[in-house]
N, C-alpha and C. Protein backbone atom coordinates (compact mmCIF):
# COMPACT_ATOMS: atom_id res chain seq x y z
N MET A 1 261.56 71.01 81.39
CA MET A 1 261.37 69.77 81.84
C MET A 1 260.02 69.42 82.18
N ARG A 2 259.34 68.41 81.86
CA ARG A 2 258.11 68.15 82.44
C ARG A 2 258.35 67.70 83.84
N LYS A 3 257.13 68.06 84.69
CA LYS A 3 257.07 67.65 85.80
C LYS A 3 256.37 66.30 86.18
N GLY A 4 256.70 65.37 87.28
CA GLY A 4 255.98 64.27 87.47
C GLY A 4 256.26 62.96 86.62
N ILE A 5 257.44 63.20 85.58
CA ILE A 5 257.61 62.07 84.70
C ILE A 5 258.72 61.24 85.24
N HIS A 6 259.70 61.86 86.19
CA HIS A 6 260.82 61.17 86.52
C HIS A 6 260.71 60.31 87.83
N PRO A 7 261.42 59.40 88.09
CA PRO A 7 261.38 58.80 89.43
C PRO A 7 262.14 59.83 90.47
N GLU A 8 261.66 59.62 91.83
CA GLU A 8 261.87 60.48 92.77
C GLU A 8 262.93 59.68 93.85
N ASN A 9 262.93 58.37 93.65
CA ASN A 9 263.91 57.51 94.29
C ASN A 9 265.11 57.24 93.99
N TYR A 10 265.98 58.06 93.46
CA TYR A 10 267.35 58.03 93.27
C TYR A 10 268.12 57.90 94.42
N ARG A 11 269.14 56.73 94.47
CA ARG A 11 270.08 56.73 95.66
C ARG A 11 271.41 56.15 95.09
N LEU A 12 272.24 56.12 95.64
CA LEU A 12 273.67 55.46 95.40
C LEU A 12 273.54 54.01 95.71
N VAL A 13 273.85 53.21 94.48
CA VAL A 13 273.78 51.70 94.46
C VAL A 13 274.94 51.28 94.03
N ALA A 14 275.42 50.13 94.69
CA ALA A 14 276.61 49.29 94.07
C ALA A 14 276.40 48.48 93.02
N PHE A 15 276.85 48.36 92.02
CA PHE A 15 276.90 47.53 90.98
C PHE A 15 277.94 46.50 90.87
N LYS A 16 277.61 45.22 91.02
CA LYS A 16 278.97 44.14 91.13
C LYS A 16 278.69 43.13 90.01
N ASP A 17 279.91 43.23 89.39
CA ASP A 17 280.17 42.26 88.13
C ASP A 17 280.50 41.05 88.76
N MET A 18 279.57 39.95 88.87
CA MET A 18 279.92 38.50 89.24
C MET A 18 281.00 37.86 88.61
N SER A 19 281.43 38.14 87.44
CA SER A 19 282.44 37.30 86.75
C SER A 19 283.92 37.98 86.95
N ASN A 20 284.08 39.03 87.52
CA ASN A 20 285.33 39.52 88.07
C ASN A 20 285.38 40.43 89.34
N ASP A 21 284.37 40.34 89.96
CA ASP A 21 283.89 40.94 91.29
C ASP A 21 284.32 42.54 91.42
N ASP A 22 284.26 43.00 90.09
CA ASP A 22 284.47 44.55 90.07
C ASP A 22 283.10 45.25 90.74
N VAL A 23 283.47 46.27 91.46
CA VAL A 23 282.23 47.03 92.02
C VAL A 23 282.25 48.39 91.63
N PHE A 24 281.29 49.04 91.05
CA PHE A 24 281.20 50.60 91.01
C PHE A 24 279.88 51.11 91.54
N ILE A 25 279.95 52.25 92.06
CA ILE A 25 278.81 53.03 92.69
C ILE A 25 278.41 54.16 91.74
N THR A 26 276.97 54.03 91.58
CA THR A 26 276.31 55.13 90.75
C THR A 26 274.85 55.34 91.53
N LYS A 27 274.39 56.49 90.87
CA LYS A 27 273.03 56.64 91.36
C LYS A 27 271.99 55.92 90.43
N SER A 28 270.93 55.08 91.20
CA SER A 28 270.06 54.49 90.23
C SER A 28 268.81 54.47 91.18
N THR A 29 267.78 53.79 90.45
CA THR A 29 266.30 53.59 91.02
C THR A 29 266.31 52.19 90.97
N VAL A 30 266.97 51.37 90.91
CA VAL A 30 266.82 49.70 90.84
C VAL A 30 266.65 49.27 92.07
N GLU A 31 265.59 48.50 92.09
CA GLU A 31 265.24 47.71 93.63
C GLU A 31 266.05 46.61 93.91
N THR A 32 266.62 46.73 95.05
CA THR A 32 267.40 45.52 95.55
C THR A 32 267.06 45.23 96.79
N LYS A 33 267.44 43.87 97.33
CA LYS A 33 267.28 43.35 98.67
C LYS A 33 268.49 43.18 99.23
N GLU A 34 269.73 43.20 98.76
CA GLU A 34 270.92 42.65 99.43
C GLU A 34 271.80 43.87 99.50
N THR A 35 272.68 44.05 100.25
CA THR A 35 273.59 45.13 100.82
C THR A 35 274.88 44.81 100.44
N ILE A 36 275.95 45.56 100.39
CA ILE A 36 277.39 45.30 100.23
C ILE A 36 278.11 46.39 101.09
N VAL A 37 279.21 46.26 101.68
CA VAL A 37 280.04 47.21 102.41
C VAL A 37 281.25 47.26 101.34
N HIS A 38 281.27 48.65 100.68
CA HIS A 38 282.43 48.92 99.97
C HIS A 38 282.95 50.33 100.41
N GLU A 39 284.13 50.08 100.78
CA GLU A 39 284.98 51.21 101.02
C GLU A 39 284.55 51.55 102.33
N GLY A 40 284.08 51.18 103.16
CA GLY A 40 283.51 51.32 104.56
C GLY A 40 282.26 51.78 104.77
N VAL A 41 281.50 51.91 103.49
CA VAL A 41 280.13 52.32 103.37
C VAL A 41 279.13 51.33 103.00
N GLU A 42 277.82 51.14 103.57
CA GLU A 42 277.14 50.17 103.11
C GLU A 42 276.10 50.45 102.19
N TYR A 43 275.97 49.78 100.77
CA TYR A 43 275.18 50.36 99.81
C TYR A 43 274.44 49.08 99.42
N PRO A 44 272.89 49.23 98.82
CA PRO A 44 272.41 48.28 98.13
C PRO A 44 273.22 47.81 96.97
N VAL A 45 273.05 46.54 96.77
CA VAL A 45 273.79 45.95 95.67
C VAL A 45 272.98 45.43 94.54
N TYR A 46 273.44 45.57 93.34
CA TYR A 46 272.77 44.82 92.10
C TYR A 46 273.66 44.31 91.57
N LYS A 47 273.50 42.81 91.33
CA LYS A 47 274.58 41.83 90.77
C LYS A 47 274.28 41.59 89.30
N MET A 48 275.27 41.81 88.44
CA MET A 48 275.34 41.62 87.13
C MET A 48 276.15 40.57 86.44
N GLU A 49 275.83 39.92 85.54
CA GLU A 49 276.66 38.90 85.06
C GLU A 49 278.03 39.48 84.14
N ILE A 50 277.62 40.53 83.53
CA ILE A 50 278.82 41.30 82.72
C ILE A 50 278.61 42.74 82.82
N SER A 51 279.85 43.41 82.69
CA SER A 51 280.02 44.86 82.68
C SER A 51 280.97 45.39 81.84
N ARG A 52 281.31 46.73 81.90
CA ARG A 52 282.41 47.29 81.32
C ARG A 52 283.51 46.66 81.34
N THR A 53 283.73 46.10 82.53
CA THR A 53 285.24 45.65 82.92
C THR A 53 285.44 44.11 82.38
N SER A 54 284.35 43.38 82.03
CA SER A 54 284.40 41.90 81.69
C SER A 54 283.98 41.73 80.18
N HIS A 55 283.20 42.77 79.56
CA HIS A 55 282.79 42.60 78.29
C HIS A 55 283.82 42.56 77.21
N PRO A 56 283.99 41.71 76.29
CA PRO A 56 285.14 41.52 75.45
C PRO A 56 285.10 42.84 74.47
N PHE A 57 284.00 43.58 74.23
CA PHE A 57 284.10 44.78 73.59
C PHE A 57 285.05 45.87 74.20
N TYR A 58 284.74 45.92 75.30
CA TYR A 58 285.69 46.95 76.06
C TYR A 58 287.05 46.40 76.51
N THR A 59 287.19 45.20 76.88
CA THR A 59 288.47 44.53 77.26
C THR A 59 289.36 44.30 76.21
N GLY A 60 288.91 43.90 75.10
CA GLY A 60 289.50 43.52 73.78
C GLY A 60 290.24 42.12 73.69
N LYS A 61 289.35 41.48 74.87
CA LYS A 61 289.91 39.94 75.02
C LYS A 61 288.59 39.28 74.84
N SER A 62 288.76 38.09 74.09
CA SER A 62 287.55 37.10 74.33
C SER A 62 287.68 36.27 75.38
N LYS A 63 286.54 36.31 76.10
CA LYS A 63 286.55 35.62 77.32
C LYS A 63 285.26 34.72 77.42
N LEU A 64 285.29 33.40 77.85
CA LEU A 64 284.14 32.69 77.87
C LEU A 64 283.66 32.65 79.22
N ILE A 65 282.36 33.15 79.62
CA ILE A 65 281.78 33.18 81.04
C ILE A 65 280.50 32.19 80.99
N ASP A 66 280.67 31.30 81.63
CA ASP A 66 279.75 30.11 81.77
C ASP A 66 279.34 29.75 83.35
N THR A 67 278.61 30.79 83.82
CA THR A 67 278.19 30.85 85.15
C THR A 67 277.12 29.94 85.48
N ALA A 68 276.23 29.53 84.52
CA ALA A 68 275.15 28.64 84.65
C ALA A 68 275.37 27.34 84.21
N GLY A 69 276.59 26.79 83.68
CA GLY A 69 276.92 25.56 83.12
C GLY A 69 276.18 25.32 81.92
N ARG A 70 275.89 26.37 81.18
CA ARG A 70 275.14 26.09 79.99
C ARG A 70 275.94 25.37 78.69
N ILE A 71 277.19 25.68 78.56
CA ILE A 71 278.02 24.88 77.71
C ILE A 71 278.16 23.24 78.10
N ASP A 72 278.01 23.11 79.25
CA ASP A 72 278.16 21.59 79.75
C ASP A 72 276.67 21.09 79.55
N LYS A 73 275.84 21.66 79.69
CA LYS A 73 274.33 20.99 79.44
C LYS A 73 274.16 20.83 77.82
N PHE A 74 274.47 21.83 77.16
CA PHE A 74 274.51 21.68 75.74
C PHE A 74 275.33 20.41 75.22
N LYS A 75 276.50 20.24 75.56
CA LYS A 75 277.51 19.29 75.25
C LYS A 75 276.77 17.87 75.61
N ASN A 76 276.22 17.92 76.89
CA ASN A 76 275.62 16.57 77.38
C ASN A 76 274.40 16.14 76.54
N LYS A 77 273.58 17.25 76.23
CA LYS A 77 272.37 17.04 75.64
C LYS A 77 272.78 16.57 74.13
N TYR A 78 273.54 17.17 73.50
CA TYR A 78 273.60 16.72 72.11
C TYR A 78 275.02 15.80 71.74
N ALA A 79 275.45 14.95 72.87
CA ALA A 79 276.78 14.18 72.57
C ALA A 79 276.14 12.84 71.91
N LYS A 80 275.02 12.56 72.09
CA LYS A 80 274.46 11.14 71.60
C LYS A 80 274.43 11.41 70.00
N PHE A 81 274.12 12.74 69.40
CA PHE A 81 274.24 12.84 68.02
C PHE A 81 275.72 13.02 67.39
N SER A 82 276.69 13.30 67.87
CA SER A 82 278.07 13.28 67.40
C SER A 82 278.58 11.93 67.26
N LYS A 83 278.02 10.89 67.29
CA LYS A 83 278.52 9.34 67.15
C LYS A 83 278.02 9.27 65.66
């Protein structure tokens, strides 16, 4: 393996799925400013919109996730054309 091409700052990071509050811990180099306490240990946290526990491919269920209100914005914007 070539030396000097891989990052040196691997650490344990908590990844949090914001759609269902699932948290899993893995090593990562992602930069974060927030922390979370998980099972009594404090970890840097990276917040995600979707993960393996909420993605329809893995769950087998179709689920609508609208965290930013995009669907309502779209409906309001194009409501005048439906008449």
